[in-house]
Protein backbone atom coordinates (compact mmCIF):
# COMPACT_ATOMS: atom_id res chain seq x y z
CA MET A 1 98.66 175.63 91.35
CA ILE A 2 101.30 178.34 91.83
CA VAL A 3 102.93 178.27 88.40
CA ASP A 4 101.21 176.91 85.30
CA HIS A 5 102.02 176.99 81.58
CA ALA A 6 100.76 180.54 80.90
CA TYR A 7 104.28 181.96 80.37
CA SER A 8 105.98 178.72 79.32
CA ASP A 9 107.81 178.19 82.60
CA ASP A 10 110.17 175.24 82.79
CA ALA A 11 108.02 173.30 85.28
CA ALA A 12 104.72 173.42 87.14
CA ILE A 13 104.69 174.40 90.82
CA VAL A 14 102.00 172.97 93.09
CA ARG A 15 101.33 174.14 96.67
CA THR A 16 101.62 171.51 99.38
CA THR A 17 101.10 171.58 103.13
CA GLY A 18 104.64 170.58 104.08
CA GLY A 19 106.34 173.94 103.64
CA ARG A 20 108.11 173.05 100.37
CA ASP A 21 106.11 173.13 97.15
CA LEU A 22 106.24 170.45 94.45
CA VAL A 23 108.10 171.03 91.17
CA LEU A 24 106.76 168.81 88.35
CA THR A 25 108.24 168.40 84.87
CA ALA A 26 108.85 165.87 82.10
CA ASP A 27 111.10 165.91 79.05
CA VAL A 28 111.96 163.41 76.31
CA ILE A 29 114.53 163.79 73.51
CA ALA A 30 115.84 161.84 70.53
CA PRO A 31 119.56 160.98 70.32
CA LEU A 32 122.02 163.72 69.39
CA VAL A 33 125.10 161.52 69.75
CA ASP A 34 126.01 157.99 68.73
CA ASP A 35 127.09 156.64 72.12
CA PRO A 36 124.02 155.20 73.95
CA GLU A 37 125.33 155.87 77.46
CA ALA A 38 126.26 159.46 76.62
CA PHE A 39 122.76 159.91 75.17
CA GLY A 40 121.21 158.62 78.38
CA MET A 41 123.32 161.01 80.44
CA ILE A 42 122.40 163.98 78.23
CA ALA A 43 118.69 163.17 78.29
CA ALA A 44 118.67 162.84 82.07
CA ALA A 45 120.60 166.08 82.61
CA ASN A 46 118.22 167.83 80.21
CA SER A 47 115.17 166.63 82.17
CA LEU A 48 116.56 167.41 85.64
CA SER A 49 117.54 170.92 84.57
CA ASP A 50 113.95 172.16 84.57
CA VAL A 51 113.76 171.79 88.34
CA TRP A 52 116.98 173.75 88.95
CA ALA A 53 115.73 176.42 86.53
CA MET A 54 112.76 176.94 88.87
CA GLY A 55 115.07 177.34 91.87
CA GLY A 56 114.21 173.89 93.22
CA GLU A 57 115.89 170.57 93.89
CA PRO A 58 115.02 167.38 91.96
CA ARG A 59 114.23 164.41 94.21
CA PHE A 60 112.63 161.55 92.24
CA ALA A 61 112.45 160.50 88.60
CA LEU A 62 110.60 158.06 86.36
CA ASN A 63 112.24 156.80 83.15
CA LEU A 64 110.32 157.54 79.95
CA VAL A 65 111.53 155.18 77.21
CA PHE A 66 110.57 154.85 73.55
CA PHE A 67 112.50 152.03 71.92
CA PRO A 68 112.24 149.77 68.81
CA ASP A 69 113.05 146.47 70.50
CA ASP A 70 112.07 144.69 67.30
CA GLN A 71 114.87 146.51 65.45
CA LEU A 72 117.63 147.20 67.98
CA PRO A 73 119.21 144.94 70.63
CA LEU A 74 118.19 145.51 74.23
CA GLU A 75 121.85 146.01 75.12
CA ILE A 76 121.53 149.50 73.59
CA LEU A 77 118.58 150.25 75.85
CA ASP A 78 120.55 148.94 78.83
CA ARG A 79 123.34 151.40 78.07
CA ILE A 80 120.91 154.32 77.65
CA LEU A 81 119.33 153.53 81.01
CA ALA A 82 122.77 153.14 82.59
CA GLY A 83 123.69 156.62 81.41
CA GLY A 84 120.49 158.09 82.79
CA ALA A 85 121.00 156.31 86.11
CA ARG A 86 124.58 157.59 86.33
CA THR A 87 123.44 161.19 85.91
CA CYS A 88 120.64 160.76 88.45
CA ARG A 89 123.09 159.33 90.99
CA GLU A 90 125.35 162.34 90.46
CA ALA A 91 122.36 164.62 91.08
CA GLY A 92 121.21 162.68 94.16
CA VAL A 93 117.93 161.79 92.44
CA ALA A 94 116.25 158.42 92.97
CA VAL A 95 114.91 156.66 89.88
CA VAL A 96 111.78 154.98 91.23
CA GLY A 97 110.24 153.45 88.09
CA GLY A 98 109.20 154.37 84.60
CA HIS A 99 107.35 153.36 81.46
CA THR A 100 108.48 151.85 78.15
CA VAL A 101 106.76 152.17 74.76
CA ARG A 102 107.70 150.28 71.59
CA ASP A 103 108.34 153.01 69.04
CA ALA A 104 110.06 153.26 65.66
CA GLU A 105 112.42 155.96 66.93
CA VAL A 106 114.58 155.87 70.05
CA LYS A 107 113.66 158.53 72.59
CA PHE A 108 114.47 158.86 76.28
CA GLY A 109 113.86 161.25 79.13
CA LEU A 110 112.55 161.58 82.65
CA SER A 111 109.48 162.68 84.52
CA VAL A 112 110.94 164.52 87.49
CA THR A 113 109.47 165.52 90.84
CA GLY A 114 111.31 168.05 92.96
CA ASP A 115 110.59 170.64 95.59
CA VAL A 116 111.28 174.31 96.24
CA GLY A 117 111.29 176.16 99.53
CA PRO A 118 109.73 179.49 100.53
CA GLY A 119 111.50 182.41 98.88
CA GLU A 120 113.52 180.12 96.55
CA LEU A 121 111.15 179.95 93.57
CA TRP A 122 112.30 181.35 90.22
CA THR A 123 109.85 181.83 87.37
CA ASN A 124 109.57 183.69 84.08
CA ARG A 125 107.44 186.26 85.95
CA THR A 126 109.91 187.39 88.62
CA ALA A 127 112.65 189.22 86.68
CA GLU A 128 113.19 192.92 87.38
CA PRO A 129 114.37 195.96 85.37
CA GLY A 130 118.02 196.80 85.99
CA GLN A 131 119.12 193.20 86.43
CA ALA A 132 122.05 191.62 84.59
CA LEU A 133 121.66 188.51 82.45
CA ILE A 134 124.18 185.74 83.07
CA LEU A 135 124.54 182.64 80.87
CA THR A 136 126.20 179.60 82.45
CA LYS A 137 126.96 177.37 79.43
CA ALA A 138 128.10 177.82 75.84
CA LEU A 139 125.65 177.76 72.91
CA GLY A 140 125.69 175.64 69.76
CA THR A 141 124.51 172.12 70.62
CA GLY A 142 121.81 172.21 67.94
CA VAL A 143 124.21 173.09 65.14
CA ILE A 144 126.87 170.69 66.41
CA GLY A 145 124.26 167.94 66.73
CA GLN A 146 123.58 168.35 63.01
CA ALA A 147 127.31 168.11 62.30
CA ILE A 148 127.54 164.93 64.40
CA LYS A 149 124.64 163.32 62.50
CA LYS A 150 126.33 164.08 59.18
CA GLY A 151 129.71 162.86 60.36
CA LEU A 152 131.27 166.30 60.04
CA ALA A 153 132.04 167.10 63.68
CA SER A 154 135.58 166.53 64.90
CA GLU A 155 136.23 164.33 67.90
CA ALA A 156 137.23 167.38 69.92
CA THR A 157 134.06 169.28 68.99
CA THR A 158 131.86 166.26 69.77
CA ALA A 159 133.60 165.74 73.11
CA ALA A 160 133.16 169.41 74.06
CA ALA A 161 129.46 169.30 73.22
CA ILE A 162 128.93 166.09 75.20
CA LYS A 163 130.81 167.49 78.19
CA SER A 164 128.63 170.61 78.14
CA MET A 165 125.37 168.68 77.76
CA THR A 166 126.20 166.22 80.56
CA THR A 167 127.19 168.98 82.99
CA LEU A 168 124.44 169.39 85.57
CA ASN A 169 122.95 172.80 86.30
CA ALA A 170 122.90 172.07 90.03
CA SER A 171 125.95 174.18 90.88
CA ALA A 172 124.74 177.04 88.67
CA ALA A 173 121.45 177.11 90.58
CA ARG A 174 123.24 176.99 93.92
CA VAL A 175 125.45 179.94 92.95
CA GLY A 176 122.41 181.82 91.65
CA HIS A 177 120.66 181.51 95.00
CA ALA A 178 123.79 182.76 96.76
CA HIS A 179 123.89 185.90 94.59
CA GLY A 180 120.27 187.04 94.73
CA VAL A 181 118.90 185.72 91.44
CA THR A 182 115.14 186.34 91.21
CA ALA A 183 114.27 184.63 87.91
CA ALA A 184 115.84 182.02 85.65
CA THR A 185 115.23 179.63 82.80
CA ASP A 186 117.25 176.87 81.22
CA ILE A 187 118.25 177.26 77.60
CA THR A 188 116.83 174.31 75.69
CA GLY A 189 114.60 173.87 72.65
CA PHE A 190 113.48 177.48 72.22
CA GLY A 191 117.07 178.74 72.14
CA LEU A 192 118.47 181.63 74.17
CA LEU A 193 116.25 184.29 72.60
CA GLY A 194 113.13 182.13 72.74
CA HIS A 195 113.52 181.44 76.45
CA LEU A 196 114.47 185.08 77.08
CA ARG A 197 111.27 186.09 75.27
CA ASN A 198 109.27 184.10 77.82
CA ILE A 199 110.94 186.04 80.63
CA VAL A 200 110.39 189.49 79.09
CA ARG A 201 106.74 188.63 78.44
CA GLY A 202 106.14 187.10 81.85
CA SER A 203 107.94 189.83 83.82
CA ASN A 204 106.96 192.79 81.56
CA VAL A 205 110.54 193.89 80.99
CA ALA A 206 112.79 194.53 77.98
CA ALA A 207 116.18 192.92 77.37
CA THR A 208 119.45 193.83 75.67
CA ILE A 209 121.87 191.10 74.56
CA GLU A 210 125.54 191.76 73.79
CA LEU A 211 126.22 189.22 71.05
CA ALA A 212 129.99 189.53 71.41
CA ALA A 213 129.67 188.25 74.99
CA LEU A 214 127.92 185.01 74.04
CA LEU A 215 129.61 181.75 74.93
CA LEU A 216 130.01 179.41 71.92
CA LEU A 217 131.01 175.77 71.71
CA PRO A 218 134.01 174.99 69.47
CA ASP A 219 133.18 175.08 65.74
CA ALA A 220 129.57 176.15 66.33
CA LYS A 221 129.96 179.20 64.11
CA THR A 222 131.91 177.21 61.48
CA HIS A 223 129.20 174.56 61.18
CA LEU A 224 126.46 177.19 61.06
CA LEU A 225 128.33 178.94 58.23
CA ALA A 226 128.29 175.57 56.46
CA LYS A 227 124.46 175.67 56.70
CA LEU A 228 124.16 172.94 59.34
CA CYS A 229 121.24 174.65 61.03
CA PRO A 230 118.44 172.48 62.50
CA ALA A 231 114.88 173.17 61.46
CA GLY A 232 114.01 173.92 65.09
CA SER A 233 116.64 176.65 65.25
CA LYS A 234 115.30 178.25 62.08
CA ALA A 235 111.79 178.13 63.52
CA ASN A 236 113.05 179.74 66.74
CA ARG A 237 114.49 182.69 64.83
CA ALA A 238 111.24 183.18 62.92
CA HIS A 239 109.31 183.03 66.21
CA VAL A 240 111.36 185.68 68.04
CA ALA A 241 111.95 187.99 65.05
CA PRO A 242 108.77 190.09 65.55
CA ASP A 243 109.90 190.95 69.10
CA THR A 244 113.60 191.50 68.34
CA ALA A 245 115.58 194.34 66.77
CA TRP A 246 119.17 195.48 66.36
CA SER A 247 120.45 198.40 68.42
CA ASP A 248 120.11 200.68 65.38
CA GLY A 249 116.38 199.91 65.27
CA THR A 250 116.54 197.49 62.33
CA ALA A 251 114.21 194.55 62.79
CA LEU A 252 115.74 191.08 63.08
CA SER A 253 115.11 189.27 59.81
CA VAL A 254 113.68 185.77 59.75
CA GLU A 255 116.67 184.52 57.77
CA GLY A 256 120.09 186.00 58.43
CA ASP A 257 123.07 186.34 56.10
CA ASP A 258 126.64 185.15 56.65
CA SER A 259 127.85 188.27 58.46
CA ASP A 260 129.32 187.75 61.90
CA ARG A 261 126.49 189.48 63.73
CA GLU A 262 123.83 187.49 61.87
CA LEU A 263 125.59 184.22 62.63
CA LEU A 264 125.70 185.15 66.31
CA ALA A 265 122.00 186.06 66.22
CA SER A 266 121.21 182.66 64.71
CA LEU A 267 123.27 180.91 67.38
CA ALA A 268 121.29 182.86 69.97
CA CYS A 269 118.25 181.12 68.44
CA ASP A 270 119.87 177.68 68.18
CA ALA A 271 117.73 174.94 69.70
CA GLN A 272 119.76 173.66 72.65
CA THR A 273 119.74 170.37 74.50
CA SER A 274 120.72 170.44 78.18
CA GLY A 275 121.88 174.04 77.90
CA GLY A 276 122.85 176.32 80.73
CA LEU A 277 120.80 178.56 82.98
CA LEU A 278 119.98 182.16 82.14
CA LEU A 279 120.11 183.94 85.50
CA CYS A 280 118.46 187.30 86.19
CA THR A 281 120.87 188.76 88.73
CA PRO A 282 121.09 192.08 90.62
CA ALA A 283 123.54 194.19 88.60
CA ASP A 284 125.74 194.99 91.59
CA ARG A 285 126.22 191.26 92.26
CA ALA A 286 126.64 190.09 88.68
CA ASP A 287 130.45 190.15 88.53
CA ALA A 288 130.72 188.21 91.79
CA CYS A 289 128.13 185.73 90.50
CA VAL A 290 130.12 185.15 87.29
CA ALA A 291 133.30 184.66 89.32
CA SER A 292 131.60 182.09 91.54
CA LEU A 293 130.21 180.24 88.55
CA ARG A 294 133.64 180.09 86.92
CA ALA A 295 135.08 178.82 90.18
CA GLU A 296 132.64 175.90 89.80
CA GLY A 297 134.17 175.17 86.40
CA LEU A 298 131.36 176.74 84.36
CA PRO A 299 132.13 179.02 81.37
CA ALA A 300 129.78 181.72 82.64
CA ALA A 301 129.45 185.21 81.17
CA ARG A 302 127.44 188.37 81.66
CA ILE A 303 125.65 188.71 78.32
CA GLY A 304 123.12 191.50 78.75
CA SER A 305 120.65 193.34 80.91
CA LEU A 306 116.98 193.93 81.63
CA SER A 307 115.20 197.28 81.56
CA ALA A 308 111.72 198.74 81.80
CA PRO A 309 109.64 198.08 78.68
CA SER A 310 109.29 200.78 76.04
CA SER A 311 107.46 201.18 72.76
CA GLY A 312 110.33 199.50 70.89
CA ALA A 313 111.33 195.87 70.53
CA ARG A 314 111.19 193.64 73.58
CA ILE A 315 114.66 192.27 72.84
CA THR A 316 117.53 194.39 71.48
CA LEU A 317 120.66 192.85 69.98
CA VAL A 318 123.99 194.65 70.11
CA GLY A 319 126.62 193.36 67.72
């Protein structure tokens, strides 16, 4: 075992004798959107992302299905599986089987096996002081998911969120390797600050985040202002608050107000589904990395930096 769960890495890494080590992960989610095929695509992209976040390539997948076939027609399940298969084909991943459980709530995801070559592995333990932090997708899927469930999201906002969540992180990982990235994570359920916390703990570094540089999905801030904040996002903020402070030294509160900086801090804690990669990049290569990511059609941005740890907060917010 090369990488285990000690620092909440995105996948396990197991040594093999063939020169490339195994990357093992599994993820299952409940629907965020109404369209079954779009849900299948999102769930598959979310599961595959863990392998790219470790610097590897996904190869094979097993479907993990929870479905109330006594309540919903199997045509819905067919469409979910079709969406998952479509995403796996796009990623070059073979779906080789799976398992189905009768359950009161629909859930879907994949167990994914991939591999990673020598010198390609990224973990939460391999970030370095002085590096730049690059985010490859916009934030806000948790808040927008709440708006979709309540019928309050516009068609344009829903479409933007689905497009983001179905975009694979394959090209982001490829660009990261080309620009010397040493550590990465994908931004999912723990939110940006929660996943960043795993990196600063695992690599014994501190981080500064420029809130004004964060990428946001359309209407994310508007829906958050309307109090459409998922319970998971609130829990994320409470979890990272003890390790996070503002640049003036003020501690991050568990519950923020409606000021712009507090809304941005809450969106930095928003529980994401199929979010982007957070890339720890050499500072002198960061601008070129962002340019390459944008050339791939990704809304990438340099959002902060890493430094040596001090006696202060592990994560500092500027905004």
